[in-house]
Full PDB file with SEQRES, HELIX, SHEET, SSBOND, CRYST1, ORIGX, SCALE, CONECT and MASTER records, all heavy atoms in Angstrom:
SEQRES   1 A   31  THR VAL THR PHE ASP PRO GLU PRO ALA LEU THR LEU LEU          
SEQRES   2 A   31  ARG GLN ALA ILE PRO GLU ALA LEU VAL ALA VAL GLU ASP          
SEQRES   3 A   31  LEU GLY VAL GLY PHE                                          
HELIX    1 AA1 GLU A    7  ALA A   16  1                                  10    
CRYST1    1.000    1.000    1.000  90.00  90.00  90.00 P 1           1          
ORIGX1      1.000000  0.000000  0.000000        0.00000                         
ORIGX2      0.000000  1.000000  0.000000        0.00000                         
ORIGX3      0.000000  0.000000  1.000000        0.00000                         
SCALE1      1.000000  0.000000  0.000000        0.00000                         
SCALE2      0.000000  1.000000  0.000000        0.00000                         
SCALE3      0.000000  0.000000  1.000000        0.00000                         
ATOM      1  N   THR A   1      17.574 -46.921  52.543  1.00  0.00           N  
ATOM      2  CA  THR A   1      16.778 -45.838  53.123  1.00  0.00           C  
ATOM      3  C   THR A   1      15.751 -45.376  52.100  1.00  0.00           C  
ATOM      4  O   THR A   1      16.019 -45.368  50.895  1.00  0.00           O  
ATOM      5  CB  THR A   1      17.643 -44.629  53.535  1.00  0.00           C  
ATOM      6  OG1 THR A   1      18.346 -44.131  52.391  1.00  0.00           O  
ATOM      7  CG2 THR A   1      18.632 -45.003  54.629  1.00  0.00           C  
ATOM      8  N   VAL A   2      14.590 -45.013  52.596  1.00  0.00           N  
ATOM      9  CA  VAL A   2      13.531 -44.437  51.764  1.00  0.00           C  
ATOM     10  C   VAL A   2      13.299 -43.022  52.273  1.00  0.00           C  
ATOM     11  O   VAL A   2      12.930 -42.831  53.446  1.00  0.00           O  
ATOM     12  CB  VAL A   2      12.233 -45.257  51.844  1.00  0.00           C  
ATOM     13  CG1 VAL A   2      11.144 -44.613  50.980  1.00  0.00           C  
ATOM     14  CG2 VAL A   2      12.482 -46.696  51.421  1.00  0.00           C  
ATOM     15  N   THR A   3      13.510 -42.035  51.427  1.00  0.00           N  
ATOM     16  CA  THR A   3      13.421 -40.651  51.865  1.00  0.00           C  
ATOM     17  C   THR A   3      12.352 -39.889  51.072  1.00  0.00           C  
ATOM     18  O   THR A   3      11.870 -40.354  50.039  1.00  0.00           O  
ATOM     19  CB  THR A   3      14.772 -39.928  51.694  1.00  0.00           C  
ATOM     20  OG1 THR A   3      15.126 -39.916  50.308  1.00  0.00           O  
ATOM     21  CG2 THR A   3      15.861 -40.629  52.494  1.00  0.00           C  
ATOM     22  N   PHE A   4      12.011 -38.721  51.577  1.00  0.00           N  
ATOM     23  CA  PHE A   4      11.074 -37.835  50.895  1.00  0.00           C  
ATOM     24  C   PHE A   4      11.459 -36.395  51.200  1.00  0.00           C  
ATOM     25  O   PHE A   4      12.227 -36.126  52.139  1.00  0.00           O  
ATOM     26  CB  PHE A   4       9.630 -38.118  51.336  1.00  0.00           C  
ATOM     27  CG  PHE A   4       9.346 -37.743  52.768  1.00  0.00           C  
ATOM     28  CD1 PHE A   4       8.704 -36.549  53.084  1.00  0.00           C  
ATOM     29  CD2 PHE A   4       9.718 -38.583  53.818  1.00  0.00           C  
ATOM     30  CE1 PHE A   4       8.444 -36.199  54.395  1.00  0.00           C  
ATOM     31  CE2 PHE A   4       9.463 -38.242  55.130  1.00  0.00           C  
ATOM     32  CZ  PHE A   4       8.822 -37.038  55.423  1.00  0.00           C  
ATOM     33  N   ASP A   5      10.934 -35.488  50.430  1.00  0.00           N  
ATOM     34  CA  ASP A   5      11.181 -34.064  50.635  1.00  0.00           C  
ATOM     35  C   ASP A   5      10.207 -33.557  51.700  1.00  0.00           C  
ATOM     36  O   ASP A   5       9.003 -33.509  51.460  1.00  0.00           O  
ATOM     37  CB  ASP A   5      10.975 -33.306  49.328  1.00  0.00           C  
ATOM     38  CG  ASP A   5      11.195 -31.798  49.489  1.00  0.00           C  
ATOM     39  OD1 ASP A   5      11.603 -31.357  50.578  1.00  0.00           O  
ATOM     40  OD2 ASP A   5      10.941 -31.063  48.508  1.00  0.00           O  
ATOM     41  N   PRO A   6      10.689 -33.172  52.881  1.00  0.00           N  
ATOM     42  CA  PRO A   6       9.780 -32.775  53.959  1.00  0.00           C  
ATOM     43  C   PRO A   6       9.239 -31.349  53.831  1.00  0.00           C  
ATOM     44  O   PRO A   6       8.298 -30.980  54.535  1.00  0.00           O  
ATOM     45  CB  PRO A   6      10.648 -32.902  55.211  1.00  0.00           C  
ATOM     46  CG  PRO A   6      12.024 -32.573  54.724  1.00  0.00           C  
ATOM     47  CD  PRO A   6      12.098 -33.136  53.324  1.00  0.00           C  
ATOM     48  N   GLU A   7       9.820 -30.548  52.934  1.00  0.00           N  
ATOM     49  CA  GLU A   7       9.467 -29.133  52.902  1.00  0.00           C  
ATOM     50  C   GLU A   7       7.988 -28.858  52.621  1.00  0.00           C  
ATOM     51  O   GLU A   7       7.360 -28.066  53.352  1.00  0.00           O  
ATOM     52  CB  GLU A   7      10.329 -28.386  51.882  1.00  0.00           C  
ATOM     53  CG  GLU A   7      10.025 -26.889  51.851  1.00  0.00           C  
ATOM     54  CD  GLU A   7      10.955 -26.114  50.942  1.00  0.00           C  
ATOM     55  OE1 GLU A   7      11.821 -26.738  50.289  1.00  0.00           O  
ATOM     56  OE2 GLU A   7      10.827 -24.881  50.884  1.00  0.00           O  
ATOM     57  N   PRO A   8       7.368 -29.483  51.605  1.00  0.00           N  
ATOM     58  CA  PRO A   8       5.954 -29.165  51.346  1.00  0.00           C  
ATOM     59  C   PRO A   8       5.040 -29.463  52.530  1.00  0.00           C  
ATOM     60  O   PRO A   8       4.199 -28.634  52.907  1.00  0.00           O  
ATOM     61  CB  PRO A   8       5.619 -30.047  50.143  1.00  0.00           C  
ATOM     62  CG  PRO A   8       6.922 -30.272  49.457  1.00  0.00           C  
ATOM     63  CD  PRO A   8       7.921 -30.380  50.566  1.00  0.00           C  
ATOM     64  N   ALA A   9       5.198 -30.644  53.123  1.00  0.00           N  
ATOM     65  CA  ALA A   9       4.339 -31.025  54.241  1.00  0.00           C  
ATOM     66  C   ALA A   9       4.595 -30.153  55.465  1.00  0.00           C  
ATOM     67  O   ALA A   9       3.657 -29.688  56.128  1.00  0.00           O  
ATOM     68  CB  ALA A   9       4.549 -32.496  54.600  1.00  0.00           C  
ATOM     69  N   LEU A  10       5.870 -29.893  55.775  1.00  0.00           N  
ATOM     70  CA  LEU A  10       6.179 -29.106  56.964  1.00  0.00           C  
ATOM     71  C   LEU A  10       5.801 -27.644  56.798  1.00  0.00           C  
ATOM     72  O   LEU A  10       5.449 -26.973  57.784  1.00  0.00           O  
ATOM     73  CB  LEU A  10       7.671 -29.231  57.293  1.00  0.00           C  
ATOM     74  CG  LEU A  10       8.090 -30.568  57.900  1.00  0.00           C  
ATOM     75  CD1 LEU A  10       9.582 -30.578  58.203  1.00  0.00           C  
ATOM     76  CD2 LEU A  10       7.294 -30.868  59.173  1.00  0.00           C  
ATOM     77  N   THR A  11       5.837 -27.137  55.575  1.00  0.00           N  
ATOM     78  CA  THR A  11       5.403 -25.762  55.350  1.00  0.00           C  
ATOM     79  C   THR A  11       3.918 -25.618  55.663  1.00  0.00           C  
ATOM     80  O   THR A  11       3.492 -24.663  56.335  1.00  0.00           O  
ATOM     81  CB  THR A  11       5.671 -25.340  53.889  1.00  0.00           C  
ATOM     82  OG1 THR A  11       7.086 -25.401  53.653  1.00  0.00           O  
ATOM     83  CG2 THR A  11       5.184 -23.928  53.632  1.00  0.00           C  
ATOM     84  N   LEU A  12       3.116 -26.589  55.213  1.00  0.00           N  
ATOM     85  CA  LEU A  12       1.679 -26.574  55.512  1.00  0.00           C  
ATOM     86  C   LEU A  12       1.425 -26.724  57.010  1.00  0.00           C  
ATOM     87  O   LEU A  12       0.598 -26.009  57.595  1.00  0.00           O  
ATOM     88  CB  LEU A  12       0.978 -27.695  54.744  1.00  0.00           C  
ATOM     89  CG  LEU A  12       0.850 -27.538  53.232  1.00  0.00           C  
ATOM     90  CD1 LEU A  12       0.289 -28.810  52.617  1.00  0.00           C  
ATOM     91  CD2 LEU A  12      -0.042 -26.345  52.903  1.00  0.00           C  
ATOM     92  N   LEU A  13       2.136 -27.651  57.636  1.00  0.00           N  
ATOM     93  CA  LEU A  13       1.910 -27.915  59.055  1.00  0.00           C  
ATOM     94  C   LEU A  13       2.368 -26.747  59.930  1.00  0.00           C  
ATOM     95  O   LEU A  13       1.756 -26.455  60.954  1.00  0.00           O  
ATOM     96  CB  LEU A  13       2.630 -29.201  59.462  1.00  0.00           C  
ATOM     97  CG  LEU A  13       2.013 -30.489  58.915  1.00  0.00           C  
ATOM     98  CD1 LEU A  13       2.958 -31.666  59.122  1.00  0.00           C  
ATOM     99  CD2 LEU A  13       0.666 -30.752  59.580  1.00  0.00           C  
ATOM    100  N   ARG A  14       3.436 -26.091  59.523  1.00  0.00           N  
ATOM    101  CA  ARG A  14       3.915 -24.953  60.297  1.00  0.00           C  
ATOM    102  C   ARG A  14       2.913 -23.804  60.259  1.00  0.00           C  
ATOM    103  O   ARG A  14       2.738 -23.074  61.247  1.00  0.00           O  
ATOM    104  CB  ARG A  14       5.262 -24.487  59.767  1.00  0.00           C  
ATOM    105  CG  ARG A  14       5.987 -23.533  60.717  1.00  0.00           C  
ATOM    106  CD  ARG A  14       7.278 -23.034  60.104  1.00  0.00           C  
ATOM    107  NE  ARG A  14       8.113 -22.380  61.102  1.00  0.00           N  
ATOM    108  CZ  ARG A  14       9.189 -21.675  60.821  1.00  0.00           C  
ATOM    109  NH1 ARG A  14       9.554 -21.511  59.552  1.00  0.00           N  
ATOM    110  NH2 ARG A  14       9.908 -21.122  61.774  1.00  0.00           N  
ATOM    111  N   GLN A  15       2.243 -23.657  59.130  1.00  0.00           N  
ATOM    112  CA  GLN A  15       1.203 -22.636  59.031  1.00  0.00           C  
ATOM    113  C   GLN A  15      -0.013 -22.998  59.886  1.00  0.00           C  
ATOM    114  O   GLN A  15      -0.632 -22.129  60.503  1.00  0.00           O  
ATOM    115  CB  GLN A  15       0.777 -22.474  57.566  1.00  0.00           C  
ATOM    116  CG  GLN A  15       1.868 -21.908  56.674  1.00  0.00           C  
ATOM    117  CD  GLN A  15       1.504 -21.964  55.201  1.00  0.00           C  
ATOM    118  OE1 GLN A  15       0.489 -22.556  54.813  1.00  0.00           O  
ATOM    119  NE2 GLN A  15       2.334 -21.353  54.359  1.00  0.00           N  
ATOM    120  N   ALA A  16      -0.340 -24.297  59.926  1.00  0.00           N  
ATOM    121  CA  ALA A  16      -1.517 -24.744  60.673  1.00  0.00           C  
ATOM    122  C   ALA A  16      -1.257 -24.836  62.166  1.00  0.00           C  
ATOM    123  O   ALA A  16      -2.135 -24.538  62.988  1.00  0.00           O  
ATOM    124  CB  ALA A  16      -1.984 -26.103  60.146  1.00  0.00           C  
ATOM    125  N   ILE A  17      -0.029 -25.272  62.551  1.00  0.00           N  
ATOM    126  CA  ILE A  17       0.306 -25.482  63.970  1.00  0.00           C  
ATOM    127  C   ILE A  17       1.676 -24.858  64.222  1.00  0.00           C  
ATOM    128  O   ILE A  17       2.683 -25.561  64.385  1.00  0.00           O  
ATOM    129  CB  ILE A  17       0.326 -26.982  64.328  1.00  0.00           C  
ATOM    130  CG1 ILE A  17      -0.837 -27.727  63.677  1.00  0.00           C  
ATOM    131  CG2 ILE A  17       0.283 -27.174  65.851  1.00  0.00           C  
ATOM    132  CD1 ILE A  17      -0.790 -29.218  63.843  1.00  0.00           C  
ATOM    133  N   PRO A  18       1.772 -23.553  64.262  1.00  0.00           N  
ATOM    134  CA  PRO A  18       3.083 -22.888  64.370  1.00  0.00           C  
ATOM    135  C   PRO A  18       3.832 -23.201  65.663  1.00  0.00           C  
ATOM    136  O   PRO A  18       5.056 -23.098  65.704  1.00  0.00           O  
ATOM    137  CB  PRO A  18       2.739 -21.403  64.262  1.00  0.00           C  
ATOM    138  CG  PRO A  18       1.300 -21.313  64.652  1.00  0.00           C  
ATOM    139  CD  PRO A  18       0.667 -22.585  64.175  1.00  0.00           C  
ATOM    140  N   GLU A  19       3.114 -23.566  66.715  1.00  0.00           N  
ATOM    141  CA  GLU A  19       3.761 -23.824  68.002  1.00  0.00           C  
ATOM    142  C   GLU A  19       4.282 -25.250  68.139  1.00  0.00           C  
ATOM    143  O   GLU A  19       4.917 -25.603  69.149  1.00  0.00           O  
ATOM    144  CB  GLU A  19       2.784 -23.547  69.144  1.00  0.00           C  
ATOM    145  CG  GLU A  19       1.608 -24.524  69.261  1.00  0.00           C  
ATOM    146  CD  GLU A  19       0.455 -24.203  68.307  1.00  0.00           C  
ATOM    147  OE1 GLU A  19       0.635 -23.338  67.420  1.00  0.00           O  
ATOM    148  OE2 GLU A  19      -0.614 -24.812  68.475  1.00  0.00           O  
ATOM    149  N   ALA A  20       4.049 -26.111  67.158  1.00  0.00           N  
ATOM    150  CA  ALA A  20       4.433 -27.514  67.255  1.00  0.00           C  
ATOM    151  C   ALA A  20       5.948 -27.696  67.209  1.00  0.00           C  
ATOM    152  O   ALA A  20       6.670 -26.931  66.562  1.00  0.00           O  
ATOM    153  CB  ALA A  20       3.784 -28.308  66.129  1.00  0.00           C  
ATOM    154  N   LEU A  21       6.420 -28.727  67.887  1.00  0.00           N  
ATOM    155  CA  LEU A  21       7.827 -29.124  67.833  1.00  0.00           C  
ATOM    156  C   LEU A  21       8.017 -30.038  66.626  1.00  0.00           C  
ATOM    157  O   LEU A  21       7.156 -30.868  66.327  1.00  0.00           O  
ATOM    158  CB  LEU A  21       8.224 -29.879  69.108  1.00  0.00           C  
ATOM    159  CG  LEU A  21       7.867 -29.227  70.444  1.00  0.00           C  
ATOM    160  CD1 LEU A  21       8.268 -30.151  71.594  1.00  0.00           C  
ATOM    161  CD2 LEU A  21       8.539 -27.879  70.573  1.00  0.00           C  
ATOM    162  N   VAL A  22       9.130 -29.899  65.936  1.00  0.00           N  
ATOM    163  CA  VAL A  22       9.398 -30.699  64.738  1.00  0.00           C  
ATOM    164  C   VAL A  22      10.744 -31.387  64.886  1.00  0.00           C  
ATOM    165  O   VAL A  22      11.730 -30.777  65.328  1.00  0.00           O  
ATOM    166  CB  VAL A  22       9.388 -29.823  63.469  1.00  0.00           C  
ATOM    167  CG1 VAL A  22       9.707 -30.670  62.233  1.00  0.00           C  
ATOM    168  CG2 VAL A  22       8.040 -29.134  63.299  1.00  0.00           C  
ATOM    169  N   ALA A  23      10.785 -32.669  64.507  1.00  0.00           N  
ATOM    170  CA  ALA A  23      12.030 -33.440  64.555  1.00  0.00           C  
ATOM    171  C   ALA A  23      12.231 -34.167  63.232  1.00  0.00           C  
ATOM    172  O   ALA A  23      11.289 -34.754  62.691  1.00  0.00           O  
ATOM    173  CB  ALA A  23      12.001 -34.444  65.700  1.00  0.00           C  
ATOM    174  N   VAL A  24      13.449 -34.118  62.706  1.00  0.00           N  
ATOM    175  CA  VAL A  24      13.830 -34.868  61.511  1.00  0.00           C  
ATOM    176  C   VAL A  24      14.909 -35.857  61.917  1.00  0.00           C  
ATOM    177  O   VAL A  24      15.899 -35.490  62.570  1.00  0.00           O  
ATOM    178  CB  VAL A  24      14.352 -33.925  60.405  1.00  0.00           C  
ATOM    179  CG1 VAL A  24      14.818 -34.726  59.202  1.00  0.00           C  
ATOM    180  CG2 VAL A  24      13.271 -32.935  59.988  1.00  0.00           C  
ATOM    181  N   GLU A  25      14.727 -37.102  61.537  1.00  0.00           N  
ATOM    182  CA  GLU A  25      15.667 -38.142  61.953  1.00  0.00           C  
ATOM    183  C   GLU A  25      17.059 -37.920  61.380  1.00  0.00           C  
ATOM    184  O   GLU A  25      17.222 -37.628  60.195  1.00  0.00           O  
ATOM    185  CB  GLU A  25      15.143 -39.510  61.526  1.00  0.00           C  
ATOM    186  CG  GLU A  25      15.993 -40.669  62.013  1.00  0.00           C  
ATOM    187  CD  GLU A  25      15.369 -42.015  61.716  1.00  0.00           C  
ATOM    188  OE1 GLU A  25      14.381 -42.064  60.966  1.00  0.00           O  
ATOM    189  OE2 GLU A  25      15.889 -43.013  62.240  1.00  0.00           O  
ATOM    190  N   ASP A  26      18.063 -38.052  62.236  1.00  0.00           N  
ATOM    191  CA  ASP A  26      19.466 -37.998  61.856  1.00  0.00           C  
ATOM    192  C   ASP A  26      20.007 -39.414  62.053  1.00  0.00           C  
ATOM    193  O   ASP A  26      20.263 -39.841  63.186  1.00  0.00           O  
ATOM    194  CB  ASP A  26      20.214 -36.991  62.732  1.00  0.00           C  
ATOM    195  CG  ASP A  26      21.634 -36.739  62.262  1.00  0.00           C  
ATOM    196  OD1 ASP A  26      22.009 -37.264  61.194  1.00  0.00           O  
ATOM    197  OD2 ASP A  26      22.366 -36.014  62.958  1.00  0.00           O  
ATOM    198  N   LEU A  27      20.155 -40.159  60.970  1.00  0.00           N  
ATOM    199  CA  LEU A  27      20.423 -41.594  61.044  1.00  0.00           C  
ATOM    200  C   LEU A  27      21.616 -41.940  61.929  1.00  0.00           C  
ATOM    201  O   LEU A  27      22.708 -41.397  61.762  1.00  0.00           O  
ATOM    202  CB  LEU A  27      20.657 -42.168  59.646  1.00  0.00           C  
ATOM    203  CG  LEU A  27      19.437 -42.263  58.728  1.00  0.00           C  
ATOM    204  CD1 LEU A  27      19.833 -42.955  57.424  1.00  0.00           C  
ATOM    205  CD2 LEU A  27      18.292 -43.000  59.390  1.00  0.00           C  
ATOM    206  N   GLY A  28      21.364 -42.847  62.854  1.00  0.00           N  
ATOM    207  CA  GLY A  28      22.418 -43.340  63.717  1.00  0.00           C  
ATOM    208  C   GLY A  28      22.840 -42.389  64.815  1.00  0.00           C  
ATOM    209  O   GLY A  28      23.710 -42.716  65.626  1.00  0.00           O  
ATOM    210  N   VAL A  29      22.228 -41.218  64.875  1.00  0.00           N  
ATOM    211  CA  VAL A  29      22.602 -40.215  65.870  1.00  0.00           C  
ATOM    212  C   VAL A  29      21.415 -39.853  66.770  1.00  0.00           C  
ATOM    213  O   VAL A  29      21.505 -39.871  67.982  1.00  0.00           O  
ATOM    214  CB  VAL A  29      23.136 -38.927  65.192  1.00  0.00           C  
ATOM    215  CG1 VAL A  29      23.476 -37.876  66.241  1.00  0.00           C  
ATOM    216  CG2 VAL A  29      24.352 -39.253  64.339  1.00  0.00           C  
ATOM    217  N   GLY A  30      20.317 -39.514  66.150  1.00  0.00           N  
ATOM    218  CA  GLY A  30      19.144 -39.071  66.896  1.00  0.00           C  
ATOM    219  C   GLY A  30      18.251 -38.237  66.007  1.00  0.00           C  
ATOM    220  O   GLY A  30      17.818 -38.692  64.949  1.00  0.00           O  
ATOM    221  N   PHE A  31      18.025 -36.962  66.425  1.00  0.00           N  
ATOM    222  CA  PHE A  31      17.113 -36.107  65.674  1.00  0.00           C  
ATOM    223  C   PHE A  31      17.603 -34.663  65.662  1.00  0.00           C  
ATOM    224  O   PHE A  31      18.148 -34.170  66.658  1.00  0.00           O  
ATOM    225  CB  PHE A  31      15.712 -36.138  66.290  1.00  0.00           C  
ATOM    226  CG  PHE A  31      15.009 -37.454  66.138  1.00  0.00           C  
ATOM    227  CD1 PHE A  31      15.215 -38.476  67.052  1.00  0.00           C  
ATOM    228  CD2 PHE A  31      14.145 -37.673  65.076  1.00  0.00           C  
ATOM    229  CE1 PHE A  31      14.573 -39.698  66.913  1.00  0.00           C  
ATOM    230  CE2 PHE A  31      13.499 -38.888  64.928  1.00  0.00           C  
ATOM    231  CZ  PHE A  31      13.712 -39.903  65.853  1.00  0.00           C  
TER     232      PHE A  31                                                      
MASTER        0    0    0    1    0    0    0    6  231    1    0    3          
END                                                                             
């Protein structure tokens, strides 16, 4: 698996598009 810290990017995006839906992958299960 190749992972990254989503907090910096999602913090910026949440400020820019607060109404957007966000999903983080949950391996082998869904999101």
